[in-house]
PDB file of N, CA and C in Angstrom:
ATOM      1  N   MET A   1       0.899  -1.380  -0.131  1.00  0.00           N
ATOM      2  CA  MET A   1       0.013  -0.297  -0.010  1.00  0.00           C
ATOM      3  C   MET A   1       0.797   1.325  -0.044  1.00  0.00           C
ATOM      4  N   LEU A   2       2.039   1.233   0.744  1.00  0.00           N
ATOM      5  CA  LEU A   2       2.529   2.401   0.811  1.00  0.00           C
ATOM      6  C   LEU A   2       3.546   2.567  -0.326  1.00  0.00           C
ATOM      7  N   ALA A   3       3.850   1.586  -1.309  1.00  0.00           N
ATOM      8  CA  ALA A   3       4.423   2.039  -2.405  1.00  0.00           C
ATOM      9  C   ALA A   3       3.515   2.664  -3.321  1.00  0.00           C
ATOM     10  N   ARG A   4       2.059   2.465  -3.385  1.00  0.00           N
ATOM     11  CA  ARG A   4       1.075   3.149  -4.205  1.00  0.00           C
ATOM     12  C   ARG A   4       0.893   4.600  -3.626  1.00  0.00           C
ATOM     13  N   VAL A   5       1.278   4.851  -2.575  1.00  0.00           N
ATOM     14  CA  VAL A   5       1.088   6.330  -2.364  1.00  0.00           C
ATOM     15  C   VAL A   5       2.332   7.274  -2.682  1.00  0.00           C
ATOM     16  N   ALA A   6       3.400   6.748  -2.665  1.00  0.00           N
ATOM     17  CA  ALA A   6       4.938   7.015  -2.710  1.00  0.00           C
ATOM     18  C   ALA A   6       4.792   8.407  -3.765  1.00  0.00           C
ATOM     19  N   PRO A   7       4.170   8.102  -4.809  1.00  0.00           N
ATOM     20  CA  PRO A   7       4.333   9.114  -5.991  1.00  0.00           C
ATOM     21  C   PRO A   7       3.423  10.337  -5.435  1.00  0.00           C
ATOM     22  N   LEU A   8       2.404  10.086  -4.852  1.00  0.00           N
ATOM     23  CA  LEU A   8       1.640  11.091  -4.186  1.00  0.00           C
ATOM     24  C   LEU A   8       2.100  12.218  -3.491  1.00  0.00           C
ATOM     25  N   LEU A   9       3.227  11.894  -2.789  1.00  0.00           N
ATOM     26  CA  LEU A   9       3.777  12.749  -1.947  1.00  0.00           C
ATOM     27  C   LEU A   9       4.481  13.989  -2.478  1.00  0.00           C
ATOM     28  N   ASP A  10       4.813  13.745  -3.773  1.00  0.00           N
ATOM     29  CA  ASP A  10       5.084  14.896  -4.776  1.00  0.00           C
ATOM     30  C   ASP A  10       4.292  15.999  -5.073  1.00  0.00           C
ATOM     31  N   VAL A  11       3.052  15.670  -4.919  1.00  0.00           N
ATOM     32  CA  VAL A  11       1.841  16.572  -5.264  1.00  0.00           C
ATOM     33  C   VAL A  11       1.507  17.447  -3.789  1.00  0.00           C
ATOM     34  N   ALA A  12       2.007  18.474  -3.891  1.00  0.00           N
ATOM     35  CA  ALA A  12       1.745  19.381  -2.644  1.00  0.00           C
ATOM     36  C   ALA A  12       0.562  19.353  -2.014  1.00  0.00           C
ATOM     37  N   GLN A  13      -0.483  19.542  -2.525  1.00  0.00           N
ATOM     38  CA  GLN A  13      -2.020  19.408  -2.192  1.00  0.00           C
ATOM     39  C   GLN A  13      -2.321  18.033  -1.350  1.00  0.00           C
ATOM     40  N   ALA A  14      -1.719  16.811  -1.762  1.00  0.00           N
ATOM     41  CA  ALA A  14      -2.036  15.634  -0.977  1.00  0.00           C
ATOM     42  C   ALA A  14      -1.058  15.517  -0.011  1.00  0.00           C
ATOM     43  N   ARG A  15       0.234  15.922   0.094  1.00  0.00           N
ATOM     44  CA  ARG A  15       1.337  15.673   0.891  1.00  0.00           C
ATOM     45  C   ARG A  15       0.751  15.693   2.444  1.00  0.00           C
ATOM     46  N   PRO A  16       0.084  16.719   3.026  1.00  0.00           N
ATOM     47  CA  PRO A  16      -0.258  16.847   4.426  1.00  0.00           C
ATOM     48  C   PRO A  16      -1.136  15.660   4.694  1.00  0.00           C
ATOM     49  N   VAL A  17      -2.004  15.239   3.931  1.00  0.00           N
ATOM     50  CA  VAL A  17      -3.083  14.056   4.318  1.00  0.00           C
ATOM     51  C   VAL A  17      -2.273  12.579   4.043  1.00  0.00           C
ATOM     52  N   LEU A  18      -1.275  12.589   3.361  1.00  0.00           N
ATOM     53  CA  LEU A  18      -0.633  11.014   3.236  1.00  0.00           C
ATOM     54  C   LEU A  18       0.343  11.253   4.433  1.00  0.00           C
ATOM     55  N   ILE A  19       0.829  12.436   4.803  1.00  0.00           N
ATOM     56  CA  ILE A  19       1.791  12.044   5.802  1.00  0.00           C
ATOM     57  C   ILE A  19       1.123  11.536   7.159  1.00  0.00           C
ATOM     58  N   ASP A  20      -0.414  12.030   7.394  1.00  0.00           N
ATOM     59  CA  ASP A  20      -1.157  11.896   8.524  1.00  0.00           C
ATOM     60  C   ASP A  20      -1.443  10.113   8.081  1.00  0.00           C
ATOM     61  N   VAL A  21      -1.473   9.908   7.194  1.00  0.00           N
ATOM     62  CA  VAL A  21      -2.049   8.480   6.777  1.00  0.00           C
ATOM     63  C   VAL A  21      -0.642   7.529   7.323  1.00  0.00           C
ATOM     64  N   ILE A  22       0.408   7.991   6.535  1.00  0.00           N
ATOM     65  CA  ILE A  22       1.543   7.089   7.097  1.00  0.00           C
ATOM     66  C   ILE A  22       1.970   6.849   8.214  1.00  0.00           C
ATOM     67  N   GLY A  23       1.547   8.226   9.188  1.00  0.00           N
ATOM     68  CA  GLY A  23       1.763   7.970  10.571  1.00  0.00           C
ATOM     69  C   GLY A  23       0.739   6.927  11.174  1.00  0.00           C
ATOM     70  N   GLY A  24      -0.642   7.137  10.878  1.00  0.00           N
ATOM     71  CA  GLY A  24      -1.639   6.756  11.276  1.00  0.00           C
ATOM     72  C   GLY A  24      -1.546   4.980  11.101  1.00  0.00           C
ATOM     73  N   LEU A  25      -1.070   4.734  10.090  1.00  0.00           N
ATOM     74  CA  LEU A  25      -0.539   3.219   9.986  1.00  0.00           C
ATOM     75  C   LEU A  25       0.282   2.605  10.750  1.00  0.00           C
ATOM     76  N   ARG A  26       1.050   3.351  11.513  1.00  0.00           N
ATOM     77  CA  ARG A  26       2.185   3.114  12.794  1.00  0.00           C
ATOM     78  C   ARG A  26       3.013   1.826  12.352  1.00  0.00           C
ATOM     79  N   SER A  27       3.459   1.938  11.136  1.00  0.00           N
ATOM     80  CA  SER A  27       4.280   0.705  10.293  1.00  0.00           C
ATOM     81  C   SER A  27       5.367   1.560   9.899  1.00  0.00           C
ATOM     82  N   GLN A  28       6.532   0.725  10.471  1.00  0.00           N
ATOM     83  CA  GLN A  28       8.077   1.410  10.285  1.00  0.00           C
ATOM     84  C   GLN A  28       8.341   1.201   8.842  1.00  0.00           C
ATOM     85  N   ALA A  29       7.575   0.558   7.906  1.00  0.00           N
ATOM     86  CA  ALA A  29       7.673   0.650   6.538  1.00  0.00           C
ATOM     87  C   ALA A  29       7.400   1.991   6.144  1.00  0.00           C
ATOM     88  N   GLY A  30       7.008   3.054   6.759  1.00  0.00           N
ATOM     89  CA  GLY A  30       6.670   4.353   6.499  1.00  0.00           C
ATOM     90  C   GLY A  30       7.684   5.113   6.662  1.00  0.00           C
ATOM     91  N   PHE A  31       8.987   4.890   7.184  1.00  0.00           N
ATOM     92  CA  PHE A  31      10.117   5.525   7.515  1.00  0.00           C
ATOM     93  C   PHE A  31      10.634   6.128   6.394  1.00  0.00           C
ATOM     94  N   PRO A  32      10.964   5.001   5.338  1.00  0.00           N
ATOM     95  CA  PRO A  32      11.540   5.816   3.894  1.00  0.00           C
ATOM     96  C   PRO A  32      10.807   6.768   3.135  1.00  0.00           C
ATOM     97  N   LEU A  33       9.457   6.752   3.198  1.00  0.00           N
ATOM     98  CA  LEU A  33       8.625   7.828   2.699  1.00  0.00           C
ATOM     99  C   LEU A  33       8.817   9.163   3.413  1.00  0.00           C
ATOM    100  N   LEU A  34       8.610   8.961   4.941  1.00  0.00           N
ATOM    101  CA  LEU A  34       8.595   9.986   5.542  1.00  0.00           C
ATOM    102  C   LEU A  34      10.221  10.876   5.389  1.00  0.00           C
ATOM    103  N   ALA A  35      11.244   9.935   5.598  1.00  0.00           N
ATOM    104  CA  ALA A  35      12.357  10.192   5.271  1.00  0.00           C
ATOM    105  C   ALA A  35      12.686  11.352   3.955  1.00  0.00           C
ATOM    106  N   CYS A  36      11.998  10.583   3.062  1.00  0.00           N
ATOM    107  CA  CYS A  36      11.799  11.622   1.650  1.00  0.00           C
ATOM    108  C   CYS A  36      11.210  12.957   1.775  1.00  0.00           C
ATOM    109  N   VAL A  37      10.168  12.820   2.533  1.00  0.00           N
ATOM    110  CA  VAL A  37       9.497  14.098   2.462  1.00  0.00           C
ATOM    111  C   VAL A  37      10.291  15.041   3.318  1.00  0.00           C
ATOM    112  N   MET A  38      11.170  14.652   4.483  1.00  0.00           N
ATOM    113  CA  MET A  38      11.923  15.364   5.190  1.00  0.00           C
ATOM    114  C   MET A  38      12.700  16.135   4.174  1.00  0.00           C
ATOM    115  N   ARG A  39      13.212  15.615   3.213  1.00  0.00           N
ATOM    116  CA  ARG A  39      14.055  16.460   2.288  1.00  0.00           C
ATOM    117  C   ARG A  39      13.500  17.463   1.453  1.00  0.00           C
ATOM    118  N   GLU A  40      12.330  17.580   1.458  1.00  0.00           N
ATOM    119  CA  GLU A  40      11.700  18.552   0.630  1.00  0.00           C
ATOM    120  C   GLU A  40      11.972  20.086   1.079  1.00  0.00           C
ATOM    121  N   PRO A  41      12.799  20.811   0.215  1.00  0.00           N
ATOM    122  CA  PRO A  41      13.025  22.371   0.847  1.00  0.00           C
ATOM    123  C   PRO A  41      11.708  22.802   0.807  1.00  0.00           C
ATOM    124  N   ASP A  42      10.622  22.975   0.458  1.00  0.00           N
ATOM    125  CA  ASP A  42       9.401  23.599   0.552  1.00  0.00           C
ATOM    126  C   ASP A  42       8.593  23.225   1.556  1.00  0.00           C
ATOM    127  N   LEU A  43       8.844  22.371   2.788  1.00  0.00           N
ATOM    128  CA  LEU A  43       7.751  21.800   3.640  1.00  0.00           C
ATOM    129  C   LEU A  43       7.243  22.978   4.333  1.00  0.00           C
ATOM    130  N   SER A  44       5.750  23.123   4.434  1.00  0.00           N
ATOM    131  CA  SER A  44       5.158  24.210   5.144  1.00  0.00           C
ATOM    132  C   SER A  44       5.225  23.799   6.677  1.00  0.00           C
ATOM    133  N   GLU A  45       4.993  25.056   7.526  1.00  0.00           N
ATOM    134  CA  GLU A  45       4.940  24.434   8.980  1.00  0.00           C
ATOM    135  C   GLU A  45       3.764  23.500   9.327  1.00  0.00           C
ATOM    136  N   ASP A  46       2.876  23.468   8.641  1.00  0.00           N
ATOM    137  CA  ASP A  46       1.812  22.320   9.017  1.00  0.00           C
ATOM    138  C   ASP A  46       2.070  20.970   8.426  1.00  0.00           C
ATOM    139  N   GLU A  47       2.981  20.967   7.397  1.00  0.00           N
ATOM    140  CA  GLU A  47       3.510  19.593   6.925  1.00  0.00           C
ATOM    141  C   GLU A  47       4.522  19.198   7.981  1.00  0.00           C
ATOM    142  N   THR A  48       5.278  20.187   8.330  1.00  0.00           N
ATOM    143  CA  THR A  48       6.449  19.845   9.397  1.00  0.00           C
ATOM    144  C   THR A  48       6.020  19.354  10.655  1.00  0.00           C
ATOM    145  N   VAL A  49       4.643  19.898  11.160  1.00  0.00           N
ATOM    146  CA  VAL A  49       3.892  19.440  12.195  1.00  0.00           C
ATOM    147  C   VAL A  49       3.406  18.221  12.105  1.00  0.00           C
ATOM    148  N   ARG A  50       2.877  17.891  10.813  1.00  0.00           N
ATOM    149  CA  ARG A  50       2.392  16.595  10.670  1.00  0.00           C
ATOM    150  C   ARG A  50       3.209  15.366  10.708  1.00  0.00           C
ATOM    151  N   LEU A  51       4.512  15.740  10.068  1.00  0.00           N
ATOM    152  CA  LEU A  51       5.521  14.815  10.179  1.00  0.00           C
ATOM    153  C   LEU A  51       6.196  14.506  11.428  1.00  0.00           C
ATOM    154  N   ALA A  52       6.551  15.407  12.381  1.00  0.00           N
ATOM    155  CA  ALA A  52       6.574  15.191  13.548  1.00  0.00           C
ATOM    156  C   ALA A  52       5.497  14.213  14.042  1.00  0.00           C
ATOM    157  N   CYS A  53       4.463  14.621  14.096  1.00  0.00           N
ATOM    158  CA  CYS A  53       3.402  13.527  14.733  1.00  0.00           C
ATOM    159  C   CYS A  53       3.376  12.712  14.042  1.00  0.00           C
ATOM    160  N   ALA A  54       3.594  12.209  12.886  1.00  0.00           N
ATOM    161  CA  ALA A  54       3.672  10.589  12.389  1.00  0.00           C
ATOM    162  C   ALA A  54       4.826  10.096  12.715  1.00  0.00           C
ATOM    163  N   LEU A  55       6.028  10.800  12.929  1.00  0.00           N
ATOM    164  CA  LEU A  55       6.930   9.878  13.463  1.00  0.00           C
ATOM    165  C   LEU A  55       6.787   9.633  14.918  1.00  0.00           C
ATOM    166  N   GLY A  56       6.080  10.252  15.677  1.00  0.00           N
ATOM    167  CA  GLY A  56       6.032  10.282  17.045  1.00  0.00           C
ATOM    168  C   GLY A  56       4.886   8.987  16.923  1.00  0.00           C
ATOM    169  N   GLU A  57       3.951   9.017  16.194  1.00  0.00           N
ATOM    170  CA  GLU A  57       2.705   7.817  16.109  1.00  0.00           C
ATOM    171  C   GLU A  57       3.796   6.531  15.790  1.00  0.00           C
ATOM    172  N   ILE A  58       4.385   6.370  14.852  1.00  0.00           N
ATOM    173  CA  ILE A  58       5.014   5.246  14.745  1.00  0.00           C
ATOM    174  C   ILE A  58       6.251   4.954  15.248  1.00  0.00           C
ATOM    175  N   GLY A  59       6.853   5.761  16.088  1.00  0.00           N
ATOM    176  CA  GLY A  59       7.962   5.439  17.362  1.00  0.00           C
ATOM    177  C   GLY A  59       9.079   4.662  17.150  1.00  0.00           C
ATOM    178  N   GLY A  60       9.686   4.377  18.052  1.00  0.00           N
ATOM    179  CA  GLY A  60      10.841   3.474  17.979  1.00  0.00           C
ATOM    180  C   GLY A  60      12.302   4.437  17.938  1.00  0.00           C
ATOM    181  N   GLY A  61      13.451   3.647  17.560  1.00  0.00           N
ATOM    182  CA  GLY A  61      14.840   4.117  17.627  1.00  0.00           C
ATOM    183  C   GLY A  61      15.022   5.260  16.307  1.00  0.00           C
ATOM    184  N   ARG A  62      14.411   4.602  15.233  1.00  0.00           N
ATOM    185  CA  ARG A  62      14.551   5.021  13.709  1.00  0.00           C
ATOM    186  C   ARG A  62      13.690   6.704  13.915  1.00  0.00           C
ATOM    187  N   ALA A  63      12.548   6.558  14.385  1.00  0.00           N
ATOM    188  CA  ALA A  63      11.587   7.847  14.555  1.00  0.00           C
ATOM    189  C   ALA A  63      12.360   8.575  15.417  1.00  0.00           C
ATOM    190  N   ARG A  64      13.050   8.520  16.397  1.00  0.00           N
ATOM    191  CA  ARG A  64      13.961   9.321  17.467  1.00  0.00           C
ATOM    192  C   ARG A  64      14.881   9.864  16.228  1.00  0.00           C
ATOM    193  N   GLU A  65      15.549   9.174  15.759  1.00  0.00           N
ATOM    194  CA  GLU A  65      16.680  10.123  14.886  1.00  0.00           C
ATOM    195  C   GLU A  65      16.327  10.737  13.709  1.00  0.00           C
ATOM    196  N   LEU A  66      14.826  10.447  12.959  1.00  0.00           N
ATOM    197  CA  LEU A  66      14.432  11.125  12.072  1.00  0.00           C
ATOM    198  C   LEU A  66      14.025  12.578  12.677  1.00  0.00           C
ATOM    199  N   LEU A  67      13.346  12.611  13.963  1.00  0.00           N
ATOM    200  CA  LEU A  67      12.944  13.636  14.780  1.00  0.00           C
ATOM    201  C   LEU A  67      13.908  14.787  15.072  1.00  0.00           C
ATOM    202  N   THR A  68      15.341  14.048  15.343  1.00  0.00           N
ATOM    203  CA  THR A  68      16.466  14.581  15.521  1.00  0.00           C
ATOM    204  C   THR A  68      16.978  15.432  14.540  1.00  0.00           C
ATOM    205  N   VAL A  69      16.847  14.864  13.245  1.00  0.00           N
ATOM    206  CA  VAL A  69      17.390  15.668  12.215  1.00  0.00           C
ATOM    207  C   VAL A  69      16.426  16.704  12.038  1.00  0.00           C
ATOM    208  N   LEU A  70      15.112  16.689  11.849  1.00  0.00           N
ATOM    209  CA  LEU A  70      14.219  17.339  11.755  1.00  0.00           C
ATOM    210  C   LEU A  70      14.398  18.404  12.672  1.00  0.00           C
ATOM    211  N   GLN A  71      14.524  18.470  13.940  1.00  0.00           N
ATOM    212  CA  GLN A  71      14.824  19.275  14.870  1.00  0.00           C
ATOM    213  C   GLN A  71      15.971  20.410  14.665  1.00  0.00           C
ATOM    214  N   GLU A  72      16.884  19.504  14.043  1.00  0.00           N
ATOM    215  CA  GLU A  72      18.524  20.196  13.758  1.00  0.00           C
ATOM    216  C   GLU A  72      18.249  21.028  12.392  1.00  0.00           C
ATOM    217  N   ARG A  73      17.233  20.860  11.741  1.00  0.00           N
ATOM    218  CA  ARG A  73      16.906  21.598  10.450  1.00  0.00           C
ATOM    219  C   ARG A  73      16.638  23.202  10.658  1.00  0.00           C
ATOM    220  N   PHE A  74      16.220  23.689  11.920  1.00  0.00           N
ATOM    221  CA  PHE A  74      15.684  24.840  12.107  1.00  0.00           C
ATOM    222  C   PHE A  74      16.672  25.407  13.252  1.00  0.00           C
ATOM    223  N   THR A  75      17.041  26.582  13.018  1.00  0.00           N
ATOM    224  CA  THR A  75      17.706  27.449  13.959  1.00  0.00           C
ATOM    225  C   THR A  75      17.033  27.901  15.010  1.00  0.00           C
ATOM    226  N   ASP A  76      15.716  28.237  14.503  1.00  0.00           N
ATOM    227  CA  ASP A  76      14.636  28.882  15.255  1.00  0.00           C
ATOM    228  C   ASP A  76      13.437  28.290  14.805  1.00  0.00           C
ATOM    229  N   PRO A  77      12.947  27.102  15.079  1.00  0.00           N
ATOM    230  CA  PRO A  77      11.879  26.688  14.751  1.00  0.00           C
ATOM    231  C   PRO A  77      10.383  27.534  15.300  1.00  0.00           C
ATOM    232  N   PRO A  78       9.566  27.279  14.257  1.00  0.00           N
ATOM    233  CA  PRO A  78       8.058  28.031  14.781  1.00  0.00           C
ATOM    234  C   PRO A  78       7.830  26.884  15.945  1.00  0.00           C
ATOM    235  N   ALA A  79       6.846  27.772  16.851  1.00  0.00           N
ATOM    236  CA  ALA A  79       6.569  27.229  18.192  1.00  0.00           C
ATOM    237  C   ALA A  79       5.606  25.762  17.996  1.00  0.00           C
ATOM    238  N   ALA A  80       4.995  26.032  17.033  1.00  0.00           N
ATOM    239  CA  ALA A  80       4.181  24.484  16.693  1.00  0.00           C
ATOM    240  C   ALA A  80       5.045  23.321  16.027  1.00  0.00           C
ATOM    241  N   VAL A  81       6.049  23.817  15.558  1.00  0.00           N
ATOM    242  CA  VAL A  81       6.710  22.567  15.087  1.00  0.00           C
ATOM    243  C   VAL A  81       7.672  22.006  16.312  1.00  0.00           C
ATOM    244  N   ALA A  82       8.432  23.116  17.182  1.00  0.00           N
ATOM    245  CA  ALA A  82       9.142  22.638  18.223  1.00  0.00           C
ATOM    246  C   ALA A  82       8.299  22.007  19.165  1.00  0.00           C
ATOM    247  N   GLN A  83       6.970  22.270  19.409  1.00  0.00           N
ATOM    248  CA  GLN A  83       5.893  21.710  20.403  1.00  0.00           C
ATOM    249  C   GLN A  83       5.610  20.157  19.806  1.00  0.00           C
ATOM    250  N   GLU A  84       5.286  19.868  18.690  1.00  0.00           N
ATOM    251  CA  GLU A  84       5.161  18.884  18.192  1.00  0.00           C
ATOM    252  C   GLU A  84       6.409  18.025  18.066  1.00  0.00           C
ATOM    253  N   ILE A  85       7.372  18.222  17.981  1.00  0.00           N
ATOM    254  CA  ILE A  85       8.806  17.338  17.839  1.00  0.00           C
ATOM    255  C   ILE A  85       8.777  16.939  19.393  1.00  0.00           C
ATOM    256  N   ASP A  86       8.568  17.940  20.421  1.00  0.00           N
ATOM    257  CA  ASP A  86       8.810  17.381  21.943  1.00  0.00           C
ATOM    258  C   ASP A  86       7.548  16.669  22.179  1.00  0.00           C
ATOM    259  N   ILE A  87       6.765  16.634  21.786  1.00  0.00           N
ATOM    260  CA  ILE A  87       5.387  15.554  21.853  1.00  0.00           C
ATOM    261  C   ILE A  87       6.004  14.294  21.642  1.00  0.00           C
ATOM    262  N   ALA A  88       6.287  14.090  20.319  1.00  0.00           N
ATOM    263  CA  ALA A  88       6.629  12.996  19.742  1.00  0.00           C
ATOM    264  C   ALA A  88       7.883  12.665  20.456  1.00  0.00           C
ATOM    265  N   LEU A  89       8.804  13.138  20.926  1.00  0.00           N
ATOM    266  CA  LEU A  89      10.117  12.645  21.544  1.00  0.00           C
ATOM    267  C   LEU A  89       9.556  11.739  22.743  1.00  0.00           C
ATOM    268  N   GLN A  90       8.440  12.540  23.647  1.00  0.00           N
ATOM    269  CA  GLN A  90       8.304  12.281  24.669  1.00  0.00           C
ATOM    270  C   GLN A  90       7.290  10.880  24.642  1.00  0.00           C
ATOM    271  N   ALA A  91       6.414  10.905  23.616  1.00  0.00           N
ATOM    272  CA  ALA A  91       5.686   9.800  23.286  1.00  0.00           C
ATOM    273  C   ALA A  91       6.744   8.512  22.852  1.00  0.00           C
ATOM    274  N   ILE A  92       7.481   8.686  22.400  1.00  0.00           N
ATOM    275  CA  ILE A  92       8.589   7.792  22.075  1.00  0.00           C
ATOM    276  C   ILE A  92       9.178   7.213  23.297  1.00  0.00           C
ATOM    277  N   GLU A  93       9.667   8.197  24.251  1.00  0.00           N
ATOM    278  CA  GLU A  93      10.359   7.978  25.499  1.00  0.00           C
ATOM    279  C   GLU A  93       9.253   6.841  26.431  1.00  0.00           C
ATOM    280  N   ARG A  94       8.144   7.198  26.466  1.00  0.00           N
ATOM    281  CA  ARG A  94       7.114   6.604  27.119  1.00  0.00           C
ATOM    282  C   ARG A  94       6.859   5.083  26.708  1.00  0.00           C
ATOM    283  N   SER A  95       6.820   5.149  25.246  1.00  0.00           N
ATOM    284  CA  SER A  95       6.459   3.730  24.711  1.00  0.00           C
ATOM    285  C   SER A  95       7.793   2.915  24.965  1.00  0.00           C
ATOM    286  N   SER A  96       8.865   3.189  24.945  1.00  0.00           N
ATOM    287  CA  SER A  96      10.071   2.537  24.938  1.00  0.00           C
ATOM    288  C   SER A  96      10.649   2.184  26.245  1.00  0.00           C
ATOM    289  N   GLY A  97       9.936   2.666  27.228  1.00  0.00           N
ATOM    290  CA  GLY A  97      10.575   2.750  28.818  1.00  0.00           C
ATOM    291  C   GLY A  97       9.732   2.557  29.628  1.00  0.00           C
TER     292      GLY A  97
END
């Protein structure tokens, strides 16, 4: 299923919903797609918040790594982005320990 949605991630109008869907599946198979989205230079604040949320929903060590990369992307992140990254990291910590 994820292979079928991958090409749609290039469609800006579809990207936010697809990020939510990938996170909602809570499958580690979504990491390559989310990592690809992270490389988009024109991600909106909304997409970045959704991306952090999706990573938090999937959880695990790889999600933590990608959230750290996402966090380092900003020198001064918008408040909503910083908050969602923190929430996602806390969720991962709770689920792993």
